[in-house]
PDB file of N, CA and C in Angstrom:
ATOM      1  N   MET A   1       0.846  -1.179   0.000  1.00  0.00           N
ATOM      2  CA  MET A   1       0.000   0.000   0.000  1.00  0.00           C
ATOM      3  C   MET A   1       0.890   1.242   0.000  1.00  0.00           C
ATOM      4  N   ASN A   2       0.674   2.134  -0.936  1.00  0.00           N
ATOM      5  CA  ASN A   2       1.450   3.367  -1.030  1.00  0.00           C
ATOM      6  C   ASN A   2       0.983   4.317   0.072  1.00  0.00           C
ATOM      7  N   SER A   3       1.837   4.568   1.039  1.00  0.00           N
ATOM      8  CA  SER A   3       1.447   5.399   2.173  1.00  0.00           C
ATOM      9  C   SER A   3       2.171   6.736   2.178  1.00  0.00           C
ATOM     10  N   SER A   4       2.627   7.182   1.013  1.00  0.00           N
ATOM     11  CA  SER A   4       3.318   8.462   0.978  1.00  0.00           C
ATOM     12  C   SER A   4       2.340   9.592   1.285  1.00  0.00           C
ATOM     13  N   ARG A   5       2.893  10.708   1.682  1.00  0.00           N
ATOM     14  CA  ARG A   5       2.049  11.855   2.039  1.00  0.00           C
ATOM     15  C   ARG A   5       1.191  12.308   0.874  1.00  0.00           C
ATOM     16  N   SER A   6       1.804  12.396  -0.312  1.00  0.00           N
ATOM     17  CA  SER A   6       1.042  12.887  -1.458  1.00  0.00           C
ATOM     18  C   SER A   6      -0.070  11.913  -1.834  1.00  0.00           C
ATOM     19  N   ALA A   7       0.163  10.602  -1.681  1.00  0.00           N
ATOM     20  CA  ALA A   7      -0.887   9.627  -1.969  1.00  0.00           C
ATOM     21  C   ALA A   7      -2.040   9.785  -0.975  1.00  0.00           C
ATOM     22  N   GLN A   8      -1.713  10.004   0.288  1.00  0.00           N
ATOM     23  CA  GLN A   8      -2.762  10.189   1.289  1.00  0.00           C
ATOM     24  C   GLN A   8      -3.500  11.496   1.080  1.00  0.00           C
ATOM     25  N   ARG A   9      -2.790  12.521   0.637  1.00  0.00           N
ATOM     26  CA  ARG A   9      -3.454  13.797   0.342  1.00  0.00           C
ATOM     27  C   ARG A   9      -4.429  13.632  -0.814  1.00  0.00           C
ATOM     28  N   ALA A  10      -4.047  12.817  -1.795  1.00  0.00           N
ATOM     29  CA  ALA A  10      -4.943  12.563  -2.928  1.00  0.00           C
ATOM     30  C   ALA A  10      -6.204  11.848  -2.452  1.00  0.00           C
ATOM     31  N   VAL A  11      -6.066  10.921  -1.514  1.00  0.00           N
ATOM     32  CA  VAL A  11      -7.224  10.220  -0.961  1.00  0.00           C
ATOM     33  C   VAL A  11      -8.118  11.211  -0.223  1.00  0.00           C
ATOM     34  N   ILE A  12      -7.504  12.082   0.558  1.00  0.00           N
ATOM     35  CA  ILE A  12      -8.278  13.100   1.286  1.00  0.00           C
ATOM     36  C   ILE A  12      -9.022  13.988   0.299  1.00  0.00           C
ATOM     37  N   GLN A  13      -8.353  14.403  -0.746  1.00  0.00           N
ATOM     38  CA  GLN A  13      -8.970  15.266  -1.754  1.00  0.00           C
ATOM     39  C   GLN A  13     -10.155  14.555  -2.421  1.00  0.00           C
ATOM     40  N   PHE A  14      -9.985  13.297  -2.740  1.00  0.00           N
ATOM     41  CA  PHE A  14     -11.054  12.525  -3.374  1.00  0.00           C
ATOM     42  C   PHE A  14     -12.261  12.383  -2.450  1.00  0.00           C
ATOM     43  N   LEU A  15     -12.005  12.006  -1.207  1.00  0.00           N
ATOM     44  CA  LEU A  15     -13.107  11.809  -0.270  1.00  0.00           C
ATOM     45  C   LEU A  15     -13.812  13.121   0.076  1.00  0.00           C
ATOM     46  N   ARG A  16     -13.063  14.224   0.114  1.00  0.00           N
ATOM     47  CA  ARG A  16     -13.697  15.537   0.351  1.00  0.00           C
ATOM     48  C   ARG A  16     -14.580  15.907  -0.834  1.00  0.00           C
ATOM     49  N   ALA A  17     -14.149  15.552  -2.047  1.00  0.00           N
ATOM     50  CA  ALA A  17     -14.960  15.836  -3.230  1.00  0.00           C
ATOM     51  C   ALA A  17     -16.272  15.055  -3.189  1.00  0.00           C
ATOM     52  N   GLU A  18     -16.261  13.918  -2.517  1.00  0.00           N
ATOM     53  CA  GLU A  18     -17.484  13.129  -2.349  1.00  0.00           C
ATOM     54  C   GLU A  18     -18.273  13.556  -1.114  1.00  0.00           C
ATOM     55  N   ARG A  19     -17.922  14.668  -0.523  1.00  0.00           N
ATOM     56  CA  ARG A  19     -18.589  15.260   0.636  1.00  0.00           C
ATOM     57  C   ARG A  19     -18.490  14.402   1.885  1.00  0.00           C
ATOM     58  N   GLU A  20     -17.380  13.680   2.017  1.00  0.00           N
ATOM     59  CA  GLU A  20     -17.131  12.882   3.214  1.00  0.00           C
ATOM     60  C   GLU A  20     -16.654  13.826   4.321  1.00  0.00           C
ATOM     61  N   HIS A  21     -17.109  13.620   5.544  1.00  0.00           N
ATOM     62  CA  HIS A  21     -16.707  14.463   6.663  1.00  0.00           C
ATOM     63  C   HIS A  21     -15.278  14.121   7.076  1.00  0.00           C
ATOM     64  N   ALA A  22     -14.554  15.094   7.620  1.00  0.00           N
ATOM     65  CA  ALA A  22     -13.137  14.918   7.969  1.00  0.00           C
ATOM     66  C   ALA A  22     -12.926  13.801   8.985  1.00  0.00           C
ATOM     67  N   SER A  23     -13.812  13.683   9.968  1.00  0.00           N
ATOM     68  CA  SER A  23     -13.632  12.626  10.965  1.00  0.00           C
ATOM     69  C   SER A  23     -13.833  11.240  10.347  1.00  0.00           C
ATOM     70  N   GLN A  24     -14.750  11.128   9.407  1.00  0.00           N
ATOM     71  CA  GLN A  24     -14.962   9.858   8.713  1.00  0.00           C
ATOM     72  C   GLN A  24     -13.764   9.535   7.812  1.00  0.00           C
ATOM     73  N   ILE A  25     -13.194  10.553   7.182  1.00  0.00           N
ATOM     74  CA  ILE A  25     -11.991  10.355   6.358  1.00  0.00           C
ATOM     75  C   ILE A  25     -10.865   9.822   7.225  1.00  0.00           C
ATOM     76  N   TYR A  26     -10.706  10.407   8.407  1.00  0.00           N
ATOM     77  CA  TYR A  26      -9.647   9.960   9.311  1.00  0.00           C
ATOM     78  C   TYR A  26      -9.849   8.493   9.698  1.00  0.00           C
ATOM     79  N   ARG A  27     -11.074   8.126  10.055  1.00  0.00           N
ATOM     80  CA  ARG A  27     -11.341   6.733  10.444  1.00  0.00           C
ATOM     81  C   ARG A  27     -11.033   5.764   9.308  1.00  0.00           C
ATOM     82  N   ARG A  28     -11.463   6.100   8.117  1.00  0.00           N
ATOM     83  CA  ARG A  28     -11.244   5.217   6.962  1.00  0.00           C
ATOM     84  C   ARG A  28      -9.763   5.097   6.632  1.00  0.00           C
ATOM     85  N   MET A  29      -9.050   6.217   6.696  1.00  0.00           N
ATOM     86  CA  MET A  29      -7.617   6.184   6.372  1.00  0.00           C
ATOM     87  C   MET A  29      -6.834   5.440   7.446  1.00  0.00           C
ATOM     88  N   LYS A  30      -7.259   5.568   8.698  1.00  0.00           N
ATOM     89  CA  LYS A  30      -6.591   4.864   9.792  1.00  0.00           C
ATOM     90  C   LYS A  30      -6.726   3.352   9.610  1.00  0.00           C
ATOM     91  N   GLU A  31      -7.879   2.908   9.119  1.00  0.00           N
ATOM     92  CA  GLU A  31      -8.082   1.483   8.852  1.00  0.00           C
ATOM     93  C   GLU A  31      -7.162   0.988   7.740  1.00  0.00           C
ATOM     94  N   VAL A  32      -7.009   1.788   6.711  1.00  0.00           N
ATOM     95  CA  VAL A  32      -6.227   1.372   5.543  1.00  0.00           C
ATOM     96  C   VAL A  32      -4.730   1.515   5.792  1.00  0.00           C
ATOM     97  N   TYR A  33      -4.294   2.680   6.295  1.00  0.00           N
ATOM     98  CA  TYR A  33      -2.870   2.964   6.416  1.00  0.00           C
ATOM     99  C   TYR A  33      -2.276   2.578   7.766  1.00  0.00           C
ATOM    100  N   GLY A  34      -3.088   2.423   8.768  1.00  0.00           N
ATOM    101  CA  GLY A  34      -2.598   2.029  10.083  1.00  0.00           C
ATOM    102  C   GLY A  34      -1.620   3.036  10.660  1.00  0.00           C
ATOM    103  N   GLU A  35      -0.443   2.568  11.046  1.00  0.00           N
ATOM    104  CA  GLU A  35       0.581   3.426  11.652  1.00  0.00           C
ATOM    105  C   GLU A  35       1.147   4.448  10.667  1.00  0.00           C
ATOM    106  N   GLN A  36       1.029   4.177   9.392  1.00  0.00           N
ATOM    107  CA  GLN A  36       1.552   5.081   8.359  1.00  0.00           C
ATOM    108  C   GLN A  36       0.608   6.245   8.071  1.00  0.00           C
ATOM    109  N   CYS A  37      -0.563   6.243   8.687  1.00  0.00           N
ATOM    110  CA  CYS A  37      -1.587   7.250   8.424  1.00  0.00           C
ATOM    111  C   CYS A  37      -1.139   8.626   8.915  1.00  0.00           C
ATOM    112  N   LEU A  38      -1.551   9.656   8.176  1.00  0.00           N
ATOM    113  CA  LEU A  38      -1.296  11.029   8.610  1.00  0.00           C
ATOM    114  C   LEU A  38      -1.999  11.281   9.936  1.00  0.00           C
ATOM    115  N   ALA A  39      -1.522  12.244  10.674  1.00  0.00           N
ATOM    116  CA  ALA A  39      -2.134  12.595  11.959  1.00  0.00           C
ATOM    117  C   ALA A  39      -3.536  13.165  11.735  1.00  0.00           C
ATOM    118  N   ARG A  40      -4.368  13.020  12.745  1.00  0.00           N
ATOM    119  CA  ARG A  40      -5.758  13.487  12.657  1.00  0.00           C
ATOM    120  C   ARG A  40      -5.826  14.980  12.339  1.00  0.00           C
ATOM    121  N   CYS A  41      -5.009  15.767  13.033  1.00  0.00           N
ATOM    122  CA  CYS A  41      -5.025  17.224  12.802  1.00  0.00           C
ATOM    123  C   CYS A  41      -4.556  17.563  11.384  1.00  0.00           C
ATOM    124  N   THR A  42      -3.639  16.774  10.843  1.00  0.00           N
ATOM    125  CA  THR A  42      -3.162  17.006   9.487  1.00  0.00           C
ATOM    126  C   THR A  42      -4.264  16.715   8.480  1.00  0.00           C
ATOM    127  N   ILE A  43      -4.999  15.656   8.688  1.00  0.00           N
ATOM    128  CA  ILE A  43      -6.112  15.323   7.797  1.00  0.00           C
ATOM    129  C   ILE A  43      -7.168  16.414   7.852  1.00  0.00           C
ATOM    130  N   PHE A  44      -7.490  16.903   9.047  1.00  0.00           N
ATOM    131  CA  PHE A  44      -8.456  17.985   9.175  1.00  0.00           C
ATOM    132  C   PHE A  44      -7.948  19.257   8.486  1.00  0.00           C
ATOM    133  N   TRP A  45      -6.650  19.537   8.623  1.00  0.00           N
ATOM    134  CA  TRP A  45      -6.069  20.724   7.994  1.00  0.00           C
ATOM    135  C   TRP A  45      -6.199  20.636   6.473  1.00  0.00           C
ATOM    136  N   TRP A  46      -5.879  19.461   5.910  1.00  0.00           N
ATOM    137  CA  TRP A  46      -5.981  19.296   4.458  1.00  0.00           C
ATOM    138  C   TRP A  46      -7.438  19.359   4.010  1.00  0.00           C
ATOM    139  N   CYS A  47      -8.351  18.847   4.790  1.00  0.00           N
ATOM    140  CA  CYS A  47      -9.778  18.954   4.448  1.00  0.00           C
ATOM    141  C   CYS A  47     -10.199  20.419   4.352  1.00  0.00           C
ATOM    142  N   GLN A  48      -9.729  21.227   5.279  1.00  0.00           N
ATOM    143  CA  GLN A  48     -10.044  22.660   5.242  1.00  0.00           C
ATOM    144  C   GLN A  48      -9.474  23.307   3.994  1.00  0.00           C
ATOM    145  N   ARG A  49      -8.260  22.933   3.626  1.00  0.00           N
ATOM    146  CA  ARG A  49      -7.634  23.525   2.446  1.00  0.00           C
ATOM    147  C   ARG A  49      -8.399  23.149   1.170  1.00  0.00           C
ATOM    148  N   TYR A  50      -8.829  21.905   1.072  1.00  0.00           N
ATOM    149  CA  TYR A  50      -9.582  21.480  -0.101  1.00  0.00           C
ATOM    150  C   TYR A  50     -10.965  22.122  -0.122  1.00  0.00           C
ATOM    151  N   GLU A  51     -11.548  22.360   1.044  1.00  0.00           N
ATOM    152  CA  GLU A  51     -12.815  23.082   1.127  1.00  0.00           C
ATOM    153  C   GLU A  51     -12.663  24.509   0.599  1.00  0.00           C
ATOM    154  N   ALA A  52     -11.497  25.106   0.885  1.00  0.00           N
ATOM    155  CA  ALA A  52     -11.239  26.488   0.475  1.00  0.00           C
ATOM    156  C   ALA A  52     -10.905  26.600  -1.009  1.00  0.00           C
ATOM    157  N   GLY A  53     -10.780  25.457  -1.696  1.00  0.00           N
ATOM    158  CA  GLY A  53     -10.554  25.505  -3.128  1.00  0.00           C
ATOM    159  C   GLY A  53      -9.175  25.072  -3.595  1.00  0.00           C
ATOM    160  N   ARG A  54      -8.358  24.633  -2.714  1.00  0.00           N
ATOM    161  CA  ARG A  54      -7.029  24.176  -3.117  1.00  0.00           C
ATOM    162  C   ARG A  54      -7.156  22.898  -3.930  1.00  0.00           C
ATOM    163  N   ILE A  55      -6.357  22.795  -5.001  1.00  0.00           N
ATOM    164  CA  ILE A  55      -6.429  21.602  -5.848  1.00  0.00           C
ATOM    165  C   ILE A  55      -5.103  20.847  -5.890  1.00  0.00           C
ATOM    166  N   ASN A  56      -4.020  21.489  -5.477  1.00  0.00           N
ATOM    167  CA  ASN A  56      -2.698  20.875  -5.536  1.00  0.00           C
ATOM    168  C   ASN A  56      -2.446  20.036  -4.283  1.00  0.00           C
ATOM    169  N   ILE A  57      -1.930  18.808  -4.474  1.00  0.00           N
ATOM    170  CA  ILE A  57      -1.626  17.957  -3.317  1.00  0.00           C
ATOM    171  C   ILE A  57      -0.177  18.078  -2.882  1.00  0.00           C
ATOM    172  N   LYS A  58       0.639  18.770  -3.655  1.00  0.00           N
ATOM    173  CA  LYS A  58       2.056  18.942  -3.316  1.00  0.00           C
ATOM    174  C   LYS A  58       2.228  20.102  -2.345  1.00  0.00           C
ATOM    175  N   ASP A  59       3.339  20.087  -1.598  1.00  0.00           N
ATOM    176  CA  ASP A  59       3.668  21.204  -0.721  1.00  0.00           C
ATOM    177  C   ASP A  59       4.005  22.428  -1.552  1.00  0.00           C
ATOM    178  N   LEU A  60       3.582  23.587  -1.098  1.00  0.00           N
ATOM    179  CA  LEU A  60       3.919  24.827  -1.771  1.00  0.00           C
ATOM    180  C   LEU A  60       5.327  25.247  -1.364  1.00  0.00           C
ATOM    181  N   PRO A  61       6.032  25.966  -2.229  1.00  0.00           N
ATOM    182  CA  PRO A  61       7.369  26.422  -1.846  1.00  0.00           C
ATOM    183  C   PRO A  61       7.292  27.352  -0.639  1.00  0.00           C
ATOM    184  N   ARG A  62       8.274  27.234   0.228  1.00  0.00           N
ATOM    185  CA  ARG A  62       8.294  28.045   1.442  1.00  0.00           C
ATOM    186  C   ARG A  62       9.310  29.160   1.302  1.00  0.00           C
ATOM    187  N   THR A  63       9.035  30.252   1.983  1.00  0.00           N
ATOM    188  CA  THR A  63       9.964  31.364   1.962  1.00  0.00           C
ATOM    189  C   THR A  63      11.080  31.106   2.950  1.00  0.00           C
ATOM    190  N   GLY A  64      12.145  31.839   2.811  1.00  0.00           N
ATOM    191  CA  GLY A  64      13.267  31.696   3.722  1.00  0.00           C
ATOM    192  C   GLY A  64      14.547  31.444   2.967  1.00  0.00           C
ATOM    193  N   GLN A  65      15.612  31.343   3.711  1.00  0.00           N
ATOM    194  CA  GLN A  65      16.919  31.141   3.110  1.00  0.00           C
ATOM    195  C   GLN A  65      17.028  29.719   2.572  1.00  0.00           C
ATOM    196  N   ALA A  66      17.470  29.626   1.330  1.00  0.00           N
ATOM    197  CA  ALA A  66      17.670  28.312   0.736  1.00  0.00           C
ATOM    198  C   ALA A  66      18.942  27.699   1.321  1.00  0.00           C
ATOM    199  N   HIS A  67      18.886  26.423   1.581  1.00  0.00           N
ATOM    200  CA  HIS A  67      20.034  25.730   2.135  1.00  0.00           C
ATOM    201  C   HIS A  67      20.902  25.210   1.008  1.00  0.00           C
ATOM    202  N   VAL A  68      22.191  25.547   1.075  1.00  0.00           N
ATOM    203  CA  VAL A  68      23.135  25.060   0.081  1.00  0.00           C
ATOM    204  C   VAL A  68      23.637  23.705   0.558  1.00  0.00           C
ATOM    205  N   VAL A  69      23.420  22.722  -0.245  1.00  0.00           N
ATOM    206  CA  VAL A  69      23.857  21.383   0.103  1.00  0.00           C
ATOM    207  C   VAL A  69      25.310  21.236  -0.325  1.00  0.00           C
ATOM    208  N   ALA A  70      26.088  20.631   0.535  1.00  0.00           N
ATOM    209  CA  ALA A  70      27.494  20.403   0.223  1.00  0.00           C
ATOM    210  C   ALA A  70      27.575  19.249  -0.765  1.00  0.00           C
ATOM    211  N   ASN A  71      27.337  19.542  -2.045  1.00  0.00           N
ATOM    212  CA  ASN A  71      27.377  18.500  -3.060  1.00  0.00           C
ATOM    213  C   ASN A  71      28.804  18.282  -3.547  1.00  0.00           C
ATOM    214  N   SER A  72      28.996  17.309  -4.396  1.00  0.00           N
ATOM    215  CA  SER A  72      30.341  16.940  -4.830  1.00  0.00           C
ATOM    216  C   SER A  72      31.026  18.061  -5.609  1.00  0.00           C
ATOM    217  N   ALA A  73      30.255  18.848  -6.371  1.00  0.00           N
ATOM    218  CA  ALA A  73      30.853  19.953  -7.126  1.00  0.00           C
ATOM    219  C   ALA A  73      31.401  21.025  -6.187  1.00  0.00           C
ATOM    220  N   THR A  74      30.640  21.355  -5.143  1.00  0.00           N
ATOM    221  CA  THR A  74      31.082  22.358  -4.177  1.00  0.00           C
ATOM    222  C   THR A  74      32.283  21.850  -3.387  1.00  0.00           C
ATOM    223  N   ILE A  75      32.238  20.594  -2.994  1.00  0.00           N
ATOM    224  CA  ILE A  75      33.350  20.018  -2.234  1.00  0.00           C
ATOM    225  C   ILE A  75      34.625  20.013  -3.056  1.00  0.00           C
ATOM    226  N   SER A  76      34.529  19.633  -4.326  1.00  0.00           N
ATOM    227  CA  SER A  76      35.729  19.615  -5.174  1.00  0.00           C
ATOM    228  C   SER A  76      36.232  21.022  -5.445  1.00  0.00           C
ATOM    229  N   ALA A  77      35.331  22.017  -5.547  1.00  0.00           N
ATOM    230  CA  ALA A  77      35.760  23.400  -5.754  1.00  0.00           C
ATOM    231  C   ALA A  77      36.505  23.926  -4.529  1.00  0.00           C
ATOM    232  N   VAL A  78      36.012  23.620  -3.341  1.00  0.00           N
ATOM    233  CA  VAL A  78      36.694  24.029  -2.102  1.00  0.00           C
ATOM    234  C   VAL A  78      38.058  23.347  -2.016  1.00  0.00           C
ATOM    235  N   ASP A  79      38.096  22.068  -2.319  1.00  0.00           N
ATOM    236  CA  ASP A  79      39.354  21.315  -2.276  1.00  0.00           C
ATOM    237  C   ASP A  79      40.371  21.904  -3.255  1.00  0.00           C
ATOM    238  N   GLU A  80      39.922  22.265  -4.435  1.00  0.00           N
ATOM    239  CA  GLU A  80      40.817  22.834  -5.451  1.00  0.00           C
ATOM    240  C   GLU A  80      41.379  24.177  -4.996  1.00  0.00           C
ATOM    241  N   LEU A  81      40.525  25.036  -4.397  1.00  0.00           N
ATOM    242  CA  LEU A  81      41.007  26.327  -3.901  1.00  0.00           C
ATOM    243  C   LEU A  81      42.042  26.138  -2.798  1.00  0.00           C
ATOM    244  N   ILE A  82      41.825  25.179  -1.911  1.00  0.00           N
ATOM    245  CA  ILE A  82      42.768  24.935  -0.820  1.00  0.00           C
ATOM    246  C   ILE A  82      44.083  24.386  -1.357  1.00  0.00           C
ATOM    247  N   ARG A  83      44.003  23.518  -2.359  1.00  0.00           N
ATOM    248  CA  ARG A  83      45.237  22.959  -2.939  1.00  0.00           C
ATOM    249  C   ARG A  83      46.039  24.016  -3.694  1.00  0.00           C
ATOM    250  N   GLN A  84      45.354  24.993  -4.287  1.00  0.00           N
ATOM    251  CA  GLN A  84      46.046  26.075  -4.984  1.00  0.00           C
ATOM    252  C   GLN A  84      46.734  27.021  -3.996  1.00  0.00           C
ATOM    253  N   ASN A  85      46.092  27.276  -2.860  1.00  0.00           N
ATOM    254  CA  ASN A  85      46.642  28.184  -1.862  1.00  0.00           C
ATOM    255  C   ASN A  85      46.299  27.636  -0.480  1.00  0.00           C
ATOM    256  N   CYS A  86      47.250  26.990   0.155  1.00  0.00           N
ATOM    257  CA  CYS A  86      46.978  26.354   1.449  1.00  0.00           C
ATOM    258  C   CYS A  86      46.778  27.381   2.572  1.00  0.00           C
ATOM    259  N   ARG A  87      47.066  28.648   2.325  1.00  0.00           N
ATOM    260  CA  ARG A  87      46.898  29.683   3.348  1.00  0.00           C
ATOM    261  C   ARG A  87      45.604  30.472   3.169  1.00  0.00           C
ATOM    262  N   ILE A  88      44.735  30.000   2.295  1.00  0.00           N
ATOM    263  CA  ILE A  88      43.476  30.704   2.049  1.00  0.00           C
ATOM    264  C   ILE A  88      42.552  30.543   3.260  1.00  0.00           C
ATOM    265  N   SER A  89      41.807  31.586   3.571  1.00  0.00           N
ATOM    266  CA  SER A  89      40.907  31.538   4.735  1.00  0.00           C
ATOM    267  C   SER A  89      39.523  31.048   4.305  1.00  0.00           C
ATOM    268  N   THR A  90      38.753  30.623   5.309  1.00  0.00           N
ATOM    269  CA  THR A  90      37.397  30.171   4.996  1.00  0.00           C
ATOM    270  C   THR A  90      36.552  31.316   4.456  1.00  0.00           C
ATOM    271  N   ARG A  91      36.817  32.528   4.929  1.00  0.00           N
ATOM    272  CA  ARG A  91      36.091  33.693   4.426  1.00  0.00           C
ATOM    273  C   ARG A  91      36.382  33.918   2.953  1.00  0.00           C
ATOM    274  N   GLU A  92      37.648  33.786   2.559  1.00  0.00           N
ATOM    275  CA  GLU A  92      38.013  33.975   1.163  1.00  0.00           C
ATOM    276  C   GLU A  92      37.396  32.896   0.270  1.00  0.00           C
ATOM    277  N   VAL A  93      37.369  31.669   0.750  1.00  0.00           N
ATOM    278  CA  VAL A  93      36.732  30.582  -0.009  1.00  0.00           C
ATOM    279  C   VAL A  93      35.240  30.857  -0.148  1.00  0.00           C
ATOM    280  N   ALA A  94      34.610  31.308   0.944  1.00  0.00           N
ATOM    281  CA  ALA A  94      33.181  31.591   0.918  1.00  0.00           C
ATOM    282  C   ALA A  94      32.854  32.689  -0.085  1.00  0.00           C
ATOM    283  N   VAL A  95      33.670  33.740  -0.119  1.00  0.00           N
ATOM    284  CA  VAL A  95      33.450  34.832  -1.058  1.00  0.00           C
ATOM    285  C   VAL A  95      33.666  34.347  -2.490  1.00  0.00           C
ATOM    286  N   GLU A  96      34.710  33.573  -2.690  1.00  0.00           N
ATOM    287  CA  GLU A  96      35.046  33.065  -4.027  1.00  0.00           C
ATOM    288  C   GLU A  96      33.936  32.190  -4.603  1.00  0.00           C
ATOM    289  N   LEU A  97      33.334  31.342  -3.763  1.00  0.00           N
ATOM    290  CA  LEU A  97      32.326  30.392  -4.241  1.00  0.00           C
ATOM    291  C   LEU A  97      30.886  30.829  -3.968  1.00  0.00           C
ATOM    292  N   SER A  98      30.726  31.985  -3.317  1.00  0.00           N
ATOM    293  CA  SER A  98      29.398  32.528  -2.975  1.00  0.00           C
ATOM    294  C   SER A  98      28.586  31.548  -2.126  1.00  0.00           C
ATOM    295  N   ILE A  99      29.230  31.013  -1.095  1.00  0.00           N
ATOM    296  CA  ILE A  99      28.545  30.162  -0.125  1.00  0.00           C
ATOM    297  C   ILE A  99      28.872  30.690   1.266  1.00  0.00           C
ATOM    298  N   SER A 100      28.177  30.202   2.268  1.00  0.00           N
ATOM    299  CA  SER A 100      28.389  30.718   3.622  1.00  0.00           C
ATOM    300  C   SER A 100      29.688  30.190   4.219  1.00  0.00           C
ATOM    301  N   LYS A 101      30.195  30.945   5.209  1.00  0.00           N
ATOM    302  CA  LYS A 101      31.414  30.510   5.906  1.00  0.00           C
ATOM    303  C   LYS A 101      31.167  29.218   6.661  1.00  0.00           C
ATOM    304  N   GLY A 102      29.973  29.058   7.183  1.00  0.00           N
ATOM    305  CA  GLY A 102      29.636  27.841   7.900  1.00  0.00           C
ATOM    306  C   GLY A 102      29.671  26.613   7.001  1.00  0.00           C
ATOM    307  N   THR A 103      29.188  26.779   5.772  1.00  0.00           N
ATOM    308  CA  THR A 103      29.228  25.678   4.808  1.00  0.00           C
ATOM    309  C   THR A 103      30.662  25.343   4.446  1.00  0.00           C
ATOM    310  N   VAL A 104      31.482  26.366   4.255  1.00  0.00           N
ATOM    311  CA  VAL A 104      32.898  26.137   3.948  1.00  0.00           C
ATOM    312  C   VAL A 104      33.564  25.409   5.111  1.00  0.00           C
ATOM    313  N   HIS A 105      33.297  25.849   6.326  1.00  0.00           N
ATOM    314  CA  HIS A 105      33.883  25.219   7.509  1.00  0.00           C
ATOM    315  C   HIS A 105      33.478  23.753   7.594  1.00  0.00           C
ATOM    316  N   HIS A 106      32.199  23.472   7.329  1.00  0.00           N
ATOM    317  CA  HIS A 106      31.707  22.092   7.364  1.00  0.00           C
ATOM    318  C   HIS A 106      32.408  21.236   6.298  1.00  0.00           C
ATOM    319  N   ILE A 107      32.551  21.778   5.095  1.00  0.00           N
ATOM    320  CA  ILE A 107      33.198  21.026   4.013  1.00  0.00           C
ATOM    321  C   ILE A 107      34.655  20.762   4.345  1.00  0.00           C
ATOM    322  N   VAL A 108      35.358  21.805   4.811  1.00  0.00           N
ATOM    323  CA  VAL A 108      36.791  21.676   5.078  1.00  0.00           C
ATOM    324  C   VAL A 108      37.058  20.662   6.189  1.00  0.00           C
ATOM    325  N   HIS A 109      36.314  20.758   7.273  1.00  0.00           N
ATOM    326  CA  HIS A 109      36.619  19.928   8.438  1.00  0.00           C
ATOM    327  C   HIS A 109      35.913  18.570   8.435  1.00  0.00           C
ATOM    328  N   LYS A 110      34.663  18.529   8.011  1.00  0.00           N
ATOM    329  CA  LYS A 110      33.900  17.281   8.077  1.00  0.00           C
ATOM    330  C   LYS A 110      34.006  16.455   6.801  1.00  0.00           C
ATOM    331  N   LYS A 111      33.875  17.098   5.653  1.00  0.00           N
ATOM    332  CA  LYS A 111      33.876  16.369   4.382  1.00  0.00           C
ATOM    333  C   LYS A 111      35.282  16.045   3.896  1.00  0.00           C
ATOM    334  N   LEU A 112      36.169  17.052   3.945  1.00  0.00           N
ATOM    335  CA  LEU A 112      37.524  16.852   3.444  1.00  0.00           C
ATOM    336  C   LEU A 112      38.483  16.364   4.531  1.00  0.00           C
ATOM    337  N   GLY A 113      38.142  16.584   5.767  1.00  0.00           N
ATOM    338  CA  GLY A 113      38.980  16.115   6.871  1.00  0.00           C
ATOM    339  C   GLY A 113      40.233  16.922   7.085  1.00  0.00           C
ATOM    340  N   TYR A 114      40.248  18.162   6.614  1.00  0.00           N
ATOM    341  CA  TYR A 114      41.415  19.015   6.815  1.00  0.00           C
ATOM    342  C   TYR A 114      41.369  19.643   8.201  1.00  0.00           C
ATOM    343  N   GLY A 115      42.536  19.953   8.730  1.00  0.00           N
ATOM    344  CA  GLY A 115      42.654  20.630  10.002  1.00  0.00           C
ATOM    345  C   GLY A 115      43.942  21.433  10.001  1.00  0.00           C
ATOM    346  N   LYS A 116      44.128  22.224  11.011  1.00  0.00           N
ATOM    347  CA  LYS A 116      45.364  23.005  11.128  1.00  0.00           C
ATOM    348  C   LYS A 116      46.513  22.090  11.453  1.00  0.00           C
ATOM    349  N   VAL A 117      47.639  22.272  10.763  1.00  0.00           N
ATOM    350  CA  VAL A 117      48.809  21.453  11.019  1.00  0.00           C
ATOM    351  C   VAL A 117      49.621  22.073  12.142  1.00  0.00           C
ATOM    352  N   CYS A 118      49.787  23.393  12.080  1.00  0.00           N
ATOM    353  CA  CYS A 118      50.566  24.078  13.098  1.00  0.00           C
ATOM    354  C   CYS A 118      49.902  25.413  13.389  1.00  0.00           C
ATOM    355  N   ALA A 119      49.384  25.572  14.581  1.00  0.00           N
ATOM    356  CA  ALA A 119      48.758  26.815  14.978  1.00  0.00           C
ATOM    357  C   ALA A 119      49.593  27.480  16.056  1.00  0.00           C
ATOM    358  N   GLN A 120      49.839  28.761  15.903  1.00  0.00           N
ATOM    359  CA  GLN A 120      50.655  29.482  16.893  1.00  0.00           C
ATOM    360  C   GLN A 120      49.784  30.328  17.777  1.00  0.00           C
TER     361      GLN A 120
END
């Protein structure tokens, strides 16, 4: 049984279109999905959204700062900059690659395993 969120949202949307009450939808879905079922409050929330005219079952994009994932291209770019100039700072790498200092620090220390050899 496909118990993904979007599949369950589609079921909620279908049952709401048939004028099924939210509490009845929850009971029916709990029987079918068991432990994988969405929470009761979530089902009620989606029922309200479909009542208001929403037709999309996917999550809408959220506002806020996008998270830069330390992917292989970024990791290799940081590694290349460090190999070209071993005295480069994390701030300089961050400016060069347009990523945060925290991301650079994470890549350098956690992903690449680099550390200070001699600190005075």
